[in-house]
């Protein structure tokens, strides 16, 4: 599992963290995933506001496809 937290620009955690399966991490060479392919499963990965929308869209798509 990977722990996902949202932080403000000062590093203050906003809201609760969420645990996400490592199955949603894309291979770095998989160009279909705009942001998920850059997640480091062994360290911290930071996304900015501009990257947030495509990141969430990709995650929602992957999550819904793995439910069935």
PDB file of N, CA and C in Angstrom:
ATOM      1  N   UNK A   1       0.838  -1.189   0.000  1.00  0.00           N
ATOM      2  CA  UNK A   1       0.000   0.000   0.000  1.00  0.00           C
ATOM      3  C   UNK A   1       0.879   1.247   0.000  1.00  0.00           C
ATOM      4  N   UNK A   2       0.335   2.280  -0.577  1.00  0.00           N
ATOM      5  CA  UNK A   2       0.995   3.577  -0.611  1.00  0.00           C
ATOM      6  C   UNK A   2       0.094   4.554   0.136  1.00  0.00           C
ATOM      7  N   UNK A   3       0.674   5.363   0.972  1.00  0.00           N
ATOM      8  CA  UNK A   3      -0.070   6.372   1.729  1.00  0.00           C
ATOM      9  C   UNK A   3      -0.111   7.662   0.912  1.00  0.00           C
ATOM     10  N   UNK A   4      -1.322   8.165   0.638  1.00  0.00           N
ATOM     11  CA  UNK A   4      -1.504   9.395  -0.120  1.00  0.00           C
ATOM     12  C   UNK A   4      -2.014  10.468   0.830  1.00  0.00           C
ATOM     13  N   UNK A   5      -1.334  11.595   0.844  1.00  0.00           N
ATOM     14  CA  UNK A   5      -1.766  12.728   1.660  1.00  0.00           C
ATOM     15  C   UNK A   5      -1.753  13.992   0.803  1.00  0.00           C
ATOM     16  N   UNK A   6      -2.631  14.914   1.134  1.00  0.00           N
ATOM     17  CA  UNK A   6      -2.654  16.206   0.465  1.00  0.00           C
ATOM     18  C   UNK A   6      -2.060  17.217   1.427  1.00  0.00           C
ATOM     19  N   UNK A   7      -1.100  17.964   0.917  1.00  0.00           N
ATOM     20  CA  UNK A   7      -0.419  18.973   1.730  1.00  0.00           C
ATOM     21  C   UNK A   7      -0.533  20.323   1.053  1.00  0.00           C
ATOM     22  N   UNK A   8      -0.512  21.373   1.882  1.00  0.00           N
ATOM     23  CA  UNK A   8      -0.456  22.713   1.296  1.00  0.00           C
ATOM     24  C   UNK A   8       0.989  23.051   0.960  1.00  0.00           C
ATOM     25  N   UNK A   9       1.213  24.266   0.477  1.00  0.00           N
ATOM     26  CA  UNK A   9       2.562  24.646   0.040  1.00  0.00           C
ATOM     27  C   UNK A   9       3.576  24.699   1.169  1.00  0.00           C
ATOM     28  N   UNK A  10       3.118  24.676   2.411  1.00  0.00           N
ATOM     29  CA  UNK A  10       4.031  24.671   3.560  1.00  0.00           C
ATOM     30  C   UNK A  10       4.252  23.261   4.122  1.00  0.00           C
ATOM     31  N   UNK A  11       3.621  22.271   3.497  1.00  0.00           N
ATOM     32  CA  UNK A  11       3.792  20.905   3.958  1.00  0.00           C
ATOM     33  C   UNK A  11       2.823  20.479   5.040  1.00  0.00           C
ATOM     34  N   UNK A  12       1.847  21.315   5.354  1.00  0.00           N
ATOM     35  CA  UNK A  12       0.831  20.974   6.342  1.00  0.00           C
ATOM     36  C   UNK A  12      -0.174  20.026   5.704  1.00  0.00           C
ATOM     37  N   UNK A  13      -0.422  18.889   6.350  1.00  0.00           N
ATOM     38  CA  UNK A  13      -1.349  17.893   5.813  1.00  0.00           C
ATOM     39  C   UNK A  13      -2.770  18.434   5.902  1.00  0.00           C
ATOM     40  N   UNK A  14      -3.499  18.307   4.803  1.00  0.00           N
ATOM     41  CA  UNK A  14      -4.890  18.746   4.730  1.00  0.00           C
ATOM     42  C   UNK A  14      -5.771  17.506   4.689  1.00  0.00           C
ATOM     43  N   UNK A  15      -6.633  17.352   5.649  1.00  0.00           N
ATOM     44  CA  UNK A  15      -7.546  16.216   5.691  1.00  0.00           C
ATOM     45  C   UNK A  15      -6.851  14.932   6.100  1.00  0.00           C
ATOM     46  N   UNK A  16      -7.523  13.826   5.837  1.00  0.00           N
ATOM     47  CA  UNK A  16      -7.010  12.507   6.191  1.00  0.00           C
ATOM     48  C   UNK A  16      -6.229  11.907   5.031  1.00  0.00           C
ATOM     49  N   UNK A  17      -5.275  11.080   5.356  1.00  0.00           N
ATOM     50  CA  UNK A  17      -4.549  10.351   4.328  1.00  0.00           C
ATOM     51  C   UNK A  17      -5.363   9.165   3.855  1.00  0.00           C
ATOM     52  N   UNK A  18      -5.009   8.654   2.697  1.00  0.00           N
ATOM     53  CA  UNK A  18      -5.702   7.517   2.102  1.00  0.00           C
ATOM     54  C   UNK A  18      -4.660   6.482   1.700  1.00  0.00           C
ATOM     55  N   UNK A  19      -4.947   5.220   1.939  1.00  0.00           N
ATOM     56  CA  UNK A  19      -4.075   4.139   1.489  1.00  0.00           C
ATOM     57  C   UNK A  19      -4.529   3.675   0.114  1.00  0.00           C
ATOM     58  N   UNK A  20      -3.592   3.591  -0.806  1.00  0.00           N
ATOM     59  CA  UNK A  20      -3.877   3.202  -2.181  1.00  0.00           C
ATOM     60  C   UNK A  20      -3.040   1.969  -2.516  1.00  0.00           C
ATOM     61  N   UNK A  21      -3.646   1.046  -3.227  1.00  0.00           N
ATOM     62  CA  UNK A  21      -2.944  -0.169  -3.633  1.00  0.00           C
ATOM     63  C   UNK A  21      -1.786   0.152  -4.568  1.00  0.00           C
ATOM     64  N   UNK A  22      -0.716  -0.586  -4.439  1.00  0.00           N
ATOM     65  CA  UNK A  22       0.421  -0.410  -5.348  1.00  0.00           C
ATOM     66  C   UNK A  22       0.079  -0.875  -6.763  1.00  0.00           C
ATOM     67  N   UNK A  23      -1.061  -1.528  -6.935  1.00  0.00           N
ATOM     68  CA  UNK A  23      -1.476  -1.972  -8.269  1.00  0.00           C
ATOM     69  C   UNK A  23      -1.780  -0.805  -9.197  1.00  0.00           C
ATOM     70  N   UNK A  24      -2.002   0.393  -8.646  1.00  0.00           N
ATOM     71  CA  UNK A  24      -2.314   1.541  -9.496  1.00  0.00           C
ATOM     72  C   UNK A  24      -1.066   2.247 -10.008  1.00  0.00           C
ATOM     73  N   UNK A  25       0.095   1.799  -9.602  1.00  0.00           N
ATOM     74  CA  UNK A  25       1.327   2.418 -10.074  1.00  0.00           C
ATOM     75  C   UNK A  25       1.648   1.879 -11.458  1.00  0.00           C
ATOM     76  N   UNK A  26       1.844   2.775 -12.387  1.00  0.00           N
ATOM     77  CA  UNK A  26       2.159   2.385 -13.754  1.00  0.00           C
ATOM     78  C   UNK A  26       3.668   2.245 -13.916  1.00  0.00           C
ATOM     79  N   UNK A  27       4.054   1.434 -14.865  1.00  0.00           N
ATOM     80  CA  UNK A  27       5.465   1.299 -15.199  1.00  0.00           C
ATOM     81  C   UNK A  27       5.949   2.626 -15.772  1.00  0.00           C
ATOM     82  N   UNK A  28       7.163   3.058 -15.446  1.00  0.00           N
ATOM     83  CA  UNK A  28       7.666   4.347 -15.943  1.00  0.00           C
ATOM     84  C   UNK A  28       7.650   4.497 -17.466  1.00  0.00           C
ATOM     85  N   UNK A  29       7.695   3.400 -18.197  1.00  0.00           N
ATOM     86  CA  UNK A  29       7.689   3.464 -19.658  1.00  0.00           C
ATOM     87  C   UNK A  29       6.278   3.487 -20.252  1.00  0.00           C
ATOM     88  N   UNK A  30       5.249   3.326 -19.409  1.00  0.00           N
ATOM     89  CA  UNK A  30       3.871   3.284 -19.896  1.00  0.00           C
ATOM     90  C   UNK A  30       3.348   4.704 -20.071  1.00  0.00           C
ATOM     91  N   UNK A  31       3.324   5.187 -21.289  1.00  0.00           N
ATOM     92  CA  UNK A  31       2.972   6.573 -21.587  1.00  0.00           C
ATOM     93  C   UNK A  31       1.474   6.857 -21.485  1.00  0.00           C
ATOM     94  N   UNK A  32       0.645   5.813 -21.281  1.00  0.00           N
ATOM     95  CA  UNK A  32      -0.790   6.039 -21.150  1.00  0.00           C
ATOM     96  C   UNK A  32      -1.130   6.786 -19.865  1.00  0.00           C
ATOM     97  N   UNK A  33      -0.271   6.710 -18.878  1.00  0.00           N
ATOM     98  CA  UNK A  33      -0.550   7.304 -17.575  1.00  0.00           C
ATOM     99  C   UNK A  33       0.307   8.553 -17.394  1.00  0.00           C
ATOM    100  N   UNK A  34      -0.329   9.703 -17.484  1.00  0.00           N
ATOM    101  CA  UNK A  34       0.387  10.973 -17.471  1.00  0.00           C
ATOM    102  C   UNK A  34       1.162  11.196 -16.184  1.00  0.00           C
ATOM    103  N   UNK A  35       0.596  10.833 -15.068  1.00  0.00           N
ATOM    104  CA  UNK A  35       1.234  11.123 -13.774  1.00  0.00           C
ATOM    105  C   UNK A  35       1.604   9.876 -12.981  1.00  0.00           C
ATOM    106  N   UNK A  36       0.752   8.851 -13.027  1.00  0.00           N
ATOM    107  CA  UNK A  36       0.993   7.683 -12.175  1.00  0.00           C
ATOM    108  C   UNK A  36       2.311   6.982 -12.479  1.00  0.00           C
ATOM    109  N   UNK A  37       2.801   7.126 -13.691  1.00  0.00           N
ATOM    110  CA  UNK A  37       4.065   6.463 -14.022  1.00  0.00           C
ATOM    111  C   UNK A  37       5.256   7.100 -13.321  1.00  0.00           C
ATOM    112  N   UNK A  38       5.049   8.280 -12.712  1.00  0.00           N
ATOM    113  CA  UNK A  38       6.123   8.952 -11.996  1.00  0.00           C
ATOM    114  C   UNK A  38       6.106   8.704 -10.492  1.00  0.00           C
ATOM    115  N   UNK A  39       5.147   7.908 -10.007  1.00  0.00           N
ATOM    116  CA  UNK A  39       5.089   7.607  -8.574  1.00  0.00           C
ATOM    117  C   UNK A  39       6.254   6.702  -8.199  1.00  0.00           C
ATOM    118  N   UNK A  40       6.954   7.093  -7.164  1.00  0.00           N
ATOM    119  CA  UNK A  40       8.080   6.308  -6.653  1.00  0.00           C
ATOM    120  C   UNK A  40       7.564   5.420  -5.524  1.00  0.00           C
ATOM    121  N   UNK A  41       7.468   4.108  -5.729  1.00  0.00           N
ATOM    122  CA  UNK A  41       6.927   3.238  -4.685  1.00  0.00           C
ATOM    123  C   UNK A  41       7.830   3.122  -3.462  1.00  0.00           C
ATOM    124  N   UNK A  42       9.054   3.629  -3.549  1.00  0.00           N
ATOM    125  CA  UNK A  42      10.003   3.504  -2.441  1.00  0.00           C
ATOM    126  C   UNK A  42      10.307   4.837  -1.766  1.00  0.00           C
ATOM    127  N   UNK A  43       9.656   5.896  -2.202  1.00  0.00           N
ATOM    128  CA  UNK A  43       9.947   7.207  -1.620  1.00  0.00           C
ATOM    129  C   UNK A  43       8.773   8.143  -1.785  1.00  0.00           C
ATOM    130  N   UNK A  44       9.003   9.403  -1.561  1.00  0.00           N
ATOM    131  CA  UNK A  44       7.950  10.408  -1.675  1.00  0.00           C
ATOM    132  C   UNK A  44       7.837  10.893  -3.117  1.00  0.00           C
ATOM    133  N   UNK A  45       6.602  11.113  -3.542  1.00  0.00           N
ATOM    134  CA  UNK A  45       6.330  11.696  -4.847  1.00  0.00           C
ATOM    135  C   UNK A  45       5.419  12.889  -4.620  1.00  0.00           C
ATOM    136  N   UNK A  46       5.743  14.010  -5.222  1.00  0.00           N
ATOM    137  CA  UNK A  46       4.958  15.231  -5.040  1.00  0.00           C
ATOM    138  C   UNK A  46       4.382  15.655  -6.382  1.00  0.00           C
ATOM    139  N   UNK A  47       3.081  15.943  -6.392  1.00  0.00           N
ATOM    140  CA  UNK A  47       2.420  16.476  -7.575  1.00  0.00           C
ATOM    141  C   UNK A  47       1.940  17.881  -7.260  1.00  0.00           C
ATOM    142  N   UNK A  48       1.955  18.746  -8.275  1.00  0.00           N
ATOM    143  CA  UNK A  48       1.485  20.114  -8.078  1.00  0.00           C
ATOM    144  C   UNK A  48       0.024  20.244  -8.506  1.00  0.00           C
ATOM    145  N   UNK A  49      -0.527  21.437  -8.369  1.00  0.00           N
ATOM    146  CA  UNK A  49      -1.942  21.672  -8.701  1.00  0.00           C
ATOM    147  C   UNK A  49      -2.270  21.364 -10.151  1.00  0.00           C
ATOM    148  N   UNK A  50      -1.388  21.696 -11.046  1.00  0.00           N
ATOM    149  CA  UNK A  50      -1.630  21.460 -12.468  1.00  0.00           C
ATOM    150  C   UNK A  50      -1.732  19.963 -12.762  1.00  0.00           C
ATOM    151  N   UNK A  51      -0.966  19.169 -12.064  1.00  0.00           N
ATOM    152  CA  UNK A  51      -0.951  17.721 -12.281  1.00  0.00           C
ATOM    153  C   UNK A  51      -2.101  17.009 -11.568  1.00  0.00           C
ATOM    154  N   UNK A  52      -2.764  17.683 -10.656  1.00  0.00           N
ATOM    155  CA  UNK A  52      -3.783  17.032  -9.831  1.00  0.00           C
ATOM    156  C   UNK A  52      -4.960  16.493 -10.637  1.00  0.00           C
ATOM    157  N   UNK A  53      -5.497  17.272 -11.572  1.00  0.00           N
ATOM    158  CA  UNK A  53      -6.663  16.839 -12.340  1.00  0.00           C
ATOM    159  C   UNK A  53      -6.359  15.592 -13.176  1.00  0.00           C
ATOM    160  N   UNK A  54      -5.287  15.572 -14.003  1.00  0.00           N
ATOM    161  CA  UNK A  54      -5.021  14.339 -14.745  1.00  0.00           C
ATOM    162  C   UNK A  54      -4.684  13.157 -13.832  1.00  0.00           C
ATOM    163  N   UNK A  55      -4.064  13.419 -12.702  1.00  0.00           N
ATOM    164  CA  UNK A  55      -3.761  12.348 -11.752  1.00  0.00           C
ATOM    165  C   UNK A  55      -5.041  11.727 -11.219  1.00  0.00           C
ATOM    166  N   UNK A  56      -5.982  12.547 -10.793  1.00  0.00           N
ATOM    167  CA  UNK A  56      -7.244  12.035 -10.264  1.00  0.00           C
ATOM    168  C   UNK A  56      -8.082  11.351 -11.335  1.00  0.00           C
ATOM    169  N   UNK A  57      -8.097  11.894 -12.535  1.00  0.00           N
ATOM    170  CA  UNK A  57      -8.840  11.267 -13.637  1.00  0.00           C
ATOM    171  C   UNK A  57      -8.308   9.865 -13.927  1.00  0.00           C
ATOM    172  N   UNK A  58      -7.012   9.737 -13.973  1.00  0.00           N
ATOM    173  CA  UNK A  58      -6.388   8.435 -14.226  1.00  0.00           C
ATOM    174  C   UNK A  58      -6.685   7.470 -13.096  1.00  0.00           C
ATOM    175  N   UNK A  59      -6.577   7.941 -11.869  1.00  0.00           N
ATOM    176  CA  UNK A  59      -6.830   7.070 -10.716  1.00  0.00           C
ATOM    177  C   UNK A  59      -8.272   6.582 -10.705  1.00  0.00           C
ATOM    178  N   UNK A  60      -9.228   7.475 -10.945  1.00  0.00           N
ATOM    179  CA  UNK A  60     -10.640   7.091 -10.958  1.00  0.00           C
ATOM    180  C   UNK A  60     -10.901   6.058 -12.046  1.00  0.00           C
ATOM    181  N   UNK A  61     -10.307   6.268 -13.207  1.00  0.00           N
ATOM    182  CA  UNK A  61     -10.470   5.316 -14.313  1.00  0.00           C
ATOM    183  C   UNK A  61      -9.909   3.948 -13.942  1.00  0.00           C
ATOM    184  N   UNK A  62      -8.734   3.917 -13.368  1.00  0.00           N
ATOM    185  CA  UNK A  62      -8.121   2.646 -12.968  1.00  0.00           C
ATOM    186  C   UNK A  62      -8.901   1.979 -11.846  1.00  0.00           C
ATOM    187  N   UNK A  63      -9.359   2.757 -10.896  1.00  0.00           N
ATOM    188  CA  UNK A  63     -10.110   2.213  -9.767  1.00  0.00           C
ATOM    189  C   UNK A  63     -11.407   1.582 -10.246  1.00  0.00           C
ATOM    190  N   UNK A  64     -12.126   2.250 -11.139  1.00  0.00           N
ATOM    191  CA  UNK A  64     -13.388   1.700 -11.617  1.00  0.00           C
ATOM    192  C   UNK A  64     -13.180   0.465 -12.488  1.00  0.00           C
ATOM    193  N   UNK A  65     -12.081   0.400 -13.207  1.00  0.00           N
ATOM    194  CA  UNK A  65     -11.834  -0.764 -14.055  1.00  0.00           C
ATOM    195  C   UNK A  65     -11.376  -1.976 -13.251  1.00  0.00           C
ATOM    196  N   UNK A  66     -10.869  -1.779 -12.050  1.00  0.00           N
ATOM    197  CA  UNK A  66     -10.418  -2.919 -11.248  1.00  0.00           C
ATOM    198  C   UNK A  66     -11.482  -3.431 -10.296  1.00  0.00           C
ATOM    199  N   UNK A  67     -12.623  -2.759 -10.218  1.00  0.00           N
ATOM    200  CA  UNK A  67     -13.697  -3.205  -9.323  1.00  0.00           C
ATOM    201  C   UNK A  67     -14.447  -4.400  -9.866  1.00  0.00           C
ATOM    202  N   UNK A  68     -14.459  -4.575 -11.175  1.00  0.00           N
ATOM    203  CA  UNK A  68     -15.286  -5.619 -11.777  1.00  0.00           C
ATOM    204  C   UNK A  68     -14.493  -6.772 -12.276  1.00  0.00           C
TER     205      UNK A  68
END
